[in-house]
């Protein structure tokens, strides 16, 4: 969860922590990290707010950020930030990343983030509280991608069935929230067989970036391969090579 503190506390976006060897990253949408100087991360259940430091890598856009189909960025965290964040958060490892994943038109996927509308300040407790939101989701068929001006090799278009959402705050199914604030969250794949064997954790397939104004039944993300190829080629990190996408 990424908050802005000016002019007031507000969920501005979501993010995913990833560790590759001895490198630690905060990954989110580029349009979230564009506002990096004003972002903080809650620690200890919102009792403290932390301003992370490090080197930011943000995808450059040609026309406008709104037309940026990649829209993914990350912060390589400095040592102080890593030590502070590890007191509250766990980092994904490289084997949690679904590189070369073949999306299926089945409800094997979930996205989980922090909508702005599910957060509030507690004046009495002097703390900030936010409820996560997760949604089961089914990726669109390949023939639908042109409609959203997206490339199936670099993006994922998947469903948001707002009337079939589970509300963690009230612990029952209800109409889902406005999704502003979840940009930068992950899209996770759970192999149906893993539910029975309990041998594996969900795999991170993409970073979610867009909730199209013209079609609120869909959310759009960027494949995790875009990130891993950048880390592999630009930072020389040892990761499996993607056979789906190439980053120059």
Foldseek 3Di string as FASTA:
>chain_A
DKWFPVPHTFQQEWWAWADFPPWIKTKFFLVSCVPLVRIWDAAPQFQDTHRWDADKDHDDDDPDCVPDQARMIMGGTDPVRVVVCVVGDDHHYQVLADFQDDADQDQQKKWKFWARVQKDADPVVRGIHTDMFMDRKGWDDPVCQVVVPHDPLWKTKIFDPQQQTADPVVGGGGGHDDRRNHGHIFMWGDDPVCVVVVPDDTHTFWGWHDCDPVDNGITMTTGCLVVVQCCCPVVVGDHDHHPRDHDD
